Amino acid sequence: MANIHEVTTNEFKKEVLESDIPVLVDFWAPWCGPCRMVAPVVEGIAQKMDGKFKFVKLNTDQNQETAMEYGIMAIPSLVVFKGGSEVHRVVGFMPQEQLESELSQFLSPS
């Protein structure tokens, strides 16, 4: 998980909302089976898109106020933030190729 950082509510604004590049936030919890299925998918994409996207995980059990603020009703929820705003959301498991395709639309042209 070298390319994925755990964030807390206290770090959310700086790490996510103020990021210069798009950020994928993996809202998860340790007891969530589907979250464990999504983790290797996100890790694979994080390795491919390192430097183009920032990847963070937020434990919803430990950071309930942030999860509530963004209306996280089910986990895993993968939320893309760009320019400080939510621009896309995926709830539940998605194959790596499909998720990569969805994320690529938020990359700035080189």
C-alpha atoms as a PDB file:
ATOM      1  CA  MET A   1       0.000   0.000   0.000  1.00  0.00           C
ATOM      2  CA  ALA A   2       2.910   2.339  -0.634  1.00  0.00           C
ATOM      3  CA  ASN A   3       0.818   4.547  -2.948  1.00  0.00           C
ATOM      4  CA  ILE A   4      -2.245   4.645  -0.686  1.00  0.00           C
ATOM      5  CA  HIS A   5      -2.310   6.702   2.492  1.00  0.00           C
ATOM      6  CA  GLU A   6      -4.699   6.423   5.421  1.00  0.00           C
ATOM      7  CA  VAL A   7      -6.280   9.792   6.250  1.00  0.00           C
ATOM      8  CA  THR A   8      -8.375  11.022   9.147  1.00  0.00           C
ATOM      9  CA  THR A   9     -10.990  13.733   9.425  1.00  0.00           C
ATOM     10  CA  ASN A  10      -8.257  16.133  10.611  1.00  0.00           C
ATOM     11  CA  GLU A  11      -6.199  15.554   7.447  1.00  0.00           C
ATOM     12  CA  PHE A  12      -9.078  15.348   4.963  1.00  0.00           C
ATOM     13  CA  LYS A  13      -9.130  19.010   3.925  1.00  0.00           C
ATOM     14  CA  LYS A  14      -5.365  19.207   3.323  1.00  0.00           C
ATOM     15  CA  GLU A  15      -4.895  15.762   1.732  1.00  0.00           C
ATOM     16  CA  VAL A  16      -8.100  15.599  -0.332  1.00  0.00           C
ATOM     17  CA  LEU A  17      -9.842  18.920  -0.805  1.00  0.00           C
ATOM     18  CA  GLU A  18      -6.655  20.964  -1.308  1.00  0.00           C
ATOM     19  CA  SER A  19      -4.884  18.436  -3.554  1.00  0.00           C
ATOM     20  CA  ASP A  20      -3.501  19.663  -6.875  1.00  0.00           C
ATOM     21  CA  ILE A  21      -4.374  16.349  -8.542  1.00  0.00           C
ATOM     22  CA  PRO A  22      -7.573  14.267  -8.456  1.00  0.00           C
ATOM     23  CA  VAL A  23      -8.018  12.143  -5.325  1.00  0.00           C
ATOM     24  CA  LEU A  24      -9.758   8.780  -4.970  1.00  0.00           C
ATOM     25  CA  VAL A  25     -11.010   8.312  -1.414  1.00  0.00           C
ATOM     26  CA  ASP A  26     -11.751   4.725  -0.395  1.00  0.00           C
ATOM     27  CA  PHE A  27     -14.323   4.959   2.406  1.00  0.00           C
ATOM     28  CA  TRP A  28     -14.034   1.603   4.199  1.00  0.00           C
ATOM     29  CA  ALA A  29     -14.143  -0.243   7.536  1.00  0.00           C
ATOM     30  CA  PRO A  30     -12.091  -3.205   8.805  1.00  0.00           C
ATOM     31  CA  TRP A  31     -15.154  -5.457   9.276  1.00  0.00           C
ATOM     32  CA  CYS A  32     -16.407  -4.927   5.701  1.00  0.00           C
ATOM     33  CA  GLY A  33     -15.882  -7.954   3.438  1.00  0.00           C
ATOM     34  CA  PRO A  34     -16.479  -6.120   0.144  1.00  0.00           C
ATOM     35  CA  CYS A  35     -13.985  -3.459   1.304  1.00  0.00           C
ATOM     36  CA  ARG A  36     -11.332  -6.174   1.480  1.00  0.00           C
ATOM     37  CA  MET A  37     -12.264  -7.208  -2.085  1.00  0.00           C
ATOM     38  CA  VAL A  38     -11.916  -3.641  -3.370  1.00  0.00           C
ATOM     39  CA  ALA A  39      -8.565  -2.997  -1.654  1.00  0.00           C
ATOM     40  CA  PRO A  40      -6.375  -4.954  -4.142  1.00  0.00           C
ATOM     41  CA  VAL A  41      -8.226  -3.343  -7.070  1.00  0.00           C
ATOM     42  CA  VAL A  42      -7.482   0.138  -5.703  1.00  0.00           C
ATOM     43  CA  GLU A  43      -3.876  -0.867  -4.953  1.00  0.00           C
ATOM     44  CA  GLY A  44      -3.390  -2.036  -8.553  1.00  0.00           C
ATOM     45  CA  ILE A  45      -4.756   1.218  -9.939  1.00  0.00           C
ATOM     46  CA  ALA A  46      -2.696   3.262  -7.465  1.00  0.00           C
ATOM     47  CA  GLN A  47       0.471   1.683  -8.826  1.00  0.00           C
ATOM     48  CA  LYS A  48      -0.525   2.418 -12.445  1.00  0.00           C
ATOM     49  CA  MET A  49      -1.752   5.966 -11.846  1.00  0.00           C
ATOM     50  CA  ASP A  50       0.842   7.066  -9.286  1.00  0.00           C
ATOM     51  CA  GLY A  51       1.496  10.775  -9.708  1.00  0.00           C
ATOM     52  CA  LYS A  52      -1.640  11.339 -11.793  1.00  0.00           C
ATOM     53  CA  PHE A  53      -4.073  10.562  -8.968  1.00  0.00           C
ATOM     54  CA  LYS A  54      -3.751  10.542  -5.204  1.00  0.00           C
ATOM     55  CA  PHE A  55      -5.187   7.515  -3.404  1.00  0.00           C
ATOM     56  CA  VAL A  56      -6.326   7.635   0.219  1.00  0.00           C
ATOM     57  CA  LYS A  57      -8.356   5.444   2.548  1.00  0.00           C
ATOM     58  CA  LEU A  58     -10.666   6.768   5.259  1.00  0.00           C
ATOM     59  CA  ASN A  59     -11.867   4.389   7.971  1.00  0.00           C
ATOM     60  CA  THR A  60     -15.555   5.265   8.401  1.00  0.00           C
ATOM     61  CA  ASP A  61     -15.694   3.769  11.905  1.00  0.00           C
ATOM     62  CA  GLN A  62     -12.946   6.084  13.141  1.00  0.00           C
ATOM     63  CA  ASN A  63     -13.962   9.128  11.076  1.00  0.00           C
ATOM     64  CA  GLN A  64     -17.751   9.076  11.192  1.00  0.00           C
ATOM     65  CA  GLU A  65     -18.164  12.842  10.886  1.00  0.00           C
ATOM     66  CA  THR A  66     -16.440  12.925   7.483  1.00  0.00           C
ATOM     67  CA  ALA A  67     -18.373   9.893   6.252  1.00  0.00           C
ATOM     68  CA  MET A  68     -21.635  11.568   7.310  1.00  0.00           C
ATOM     69  CA  GLU A  69     -20.629  14.901   5.762  1.00  0.00           C
ATOM     70  CA  TYR A  70     -20.247  13.197   2.373  1.00  0.00           C
ATOM     71  CA  GLY A  71     -23.349  11.044   2.713  1.00  0.00           C
ATOM     72  CA  ILE A  72     -21.560   7.708   2.795  1.00  0.00           C
ATOM     73  CA  MET A  73     -24.447   5.275   3.330  1.00  0.00           C
ATOM     74  CA  ALA A  74     -22.753   2.061   2.140  1.00  0.00           C
ATOM     75  CA  ILE A  75     -19.180   0.866   2.001  1.00  0.00           C
ATOM     76  CA  PRO A  76     -16.998   0.475   0.163  1.00  0.00           C
ATOM     77  CA  SER A  77     -17.613   3.835  -1.435  1.00  0.00           C
ATOM     78  CA  LEU A  78     -14.959   5.156  -3.791  1.00  0.00           C
ATOM     79  CA  VAL A  79     -15.313   8.909  -4.201  1.00  0.00           C
ATOM     80  CA  VAL A  80     -13.306  11.036  -6.622  1.00  0.00           C
ATOM     81  CA  PHE A  81     -12.531  14.617  -5.611  1.00  0.00           C
ATOM     82  CA  LYS A  82     -11.114  17.145  -8.045  1.00  0.00           C
ATOM     83  CA  GLY A  83     -10.547  20.798  -7.262  1.00  0.00           C
ATOM     84  CA  GLY A  84     -11.985  20.344  -3.783  1.00  0.00           C
ATOM     85  CA  SER A  85     -15.334  18.925  -4.925  1.00  0.00           C
ATOM     86  CA  GLU A  86     -16.802  15.467  -5.351  1.00  0.00           C
ATOM     87  CA  VAL A  87     -16.992  14.642  -9.051  1.00  0.00           C
ATOM     88  CA  HIS A  88     -17.729  10.899  -9.089  1.00  0.00           C
ATOM     89  CA  ARG A  89     -18.817   8.069  -6.791  1.00  0.00           C
ATOM     90  CA  VAL A  90     -18.758   4.278  -7.043  1.00  0.00           C
ATOM     91  CA  VAL A  91     -20.466   2.196  -4.370  1.00  0.00           C
ATOM     92  CA  GLY A  92     -19.509  -1.447  -4.025  1.00  0.00           C
ATOM     93  CA  PHE A  93     -17.086  -3.622  -5.932  1.00  0.00           C
ATOM     94  CA  MET A  94     -15.999  -2.839  -9.475  1.00  0.00           C
ATOM     95  CA  PRO A  95     -13.421  -4.733 -11.580  1.00  0.00           C
ATOM     96  CA  GLN A  96     -10.065  -2.996 -11.968  1.00  0.00           C
ATOM     97  CA  GLU A  97     -10.346  -2.345 -15.712  1.00  0.00           C
ATOM     98  CA  GLN A  98     -13.766  -0.744 -15.331  1.00  0.00           C
ATOM     99  CA  LEU A  99     -12.665   1.433 -12.409  1.00  0.00           C
ATOM    100  CA  GLU A 100      -9.525   2.522 -14.275  1.00  0.00           C
ATOM    101  CA  SER A 101     -11.679   3.527 -17.230  1.00  0.00           C
ATOM    102  CA  GLU A 102     -13.979   5.564 -14.998  1.00  0.00           C
ATOM    103  CA  LEU A 103     -11.055   7.301 -13.288  1.00  0.00           C
ATOM    104  CA  SER A 104      -9.269   8.150 -16.539  1.00  0.00           C
ATOM    105  CA  GLN A 105     -11.946  10.712 -17.419  1.00  0.00           C
ATOM    106  CA  PHE A 106     -10.777  12.874 -14.502  1.00  0.00           C
ATOM    107  CA  LEU A 107      -7.137  13.041 -15.587  1.00  0.00           C
ATOM    108  CA  SER A 108      -5.906  16.277 -17.048  1.00  0.00           C
ATOM    109  CA  PRO A 109      -4.726  15.973 -20.659  1.00  0.00           C
ATOM    110  CA  SER A 110      -0.920  15.718 -20.786  1.00  0.00           C
END
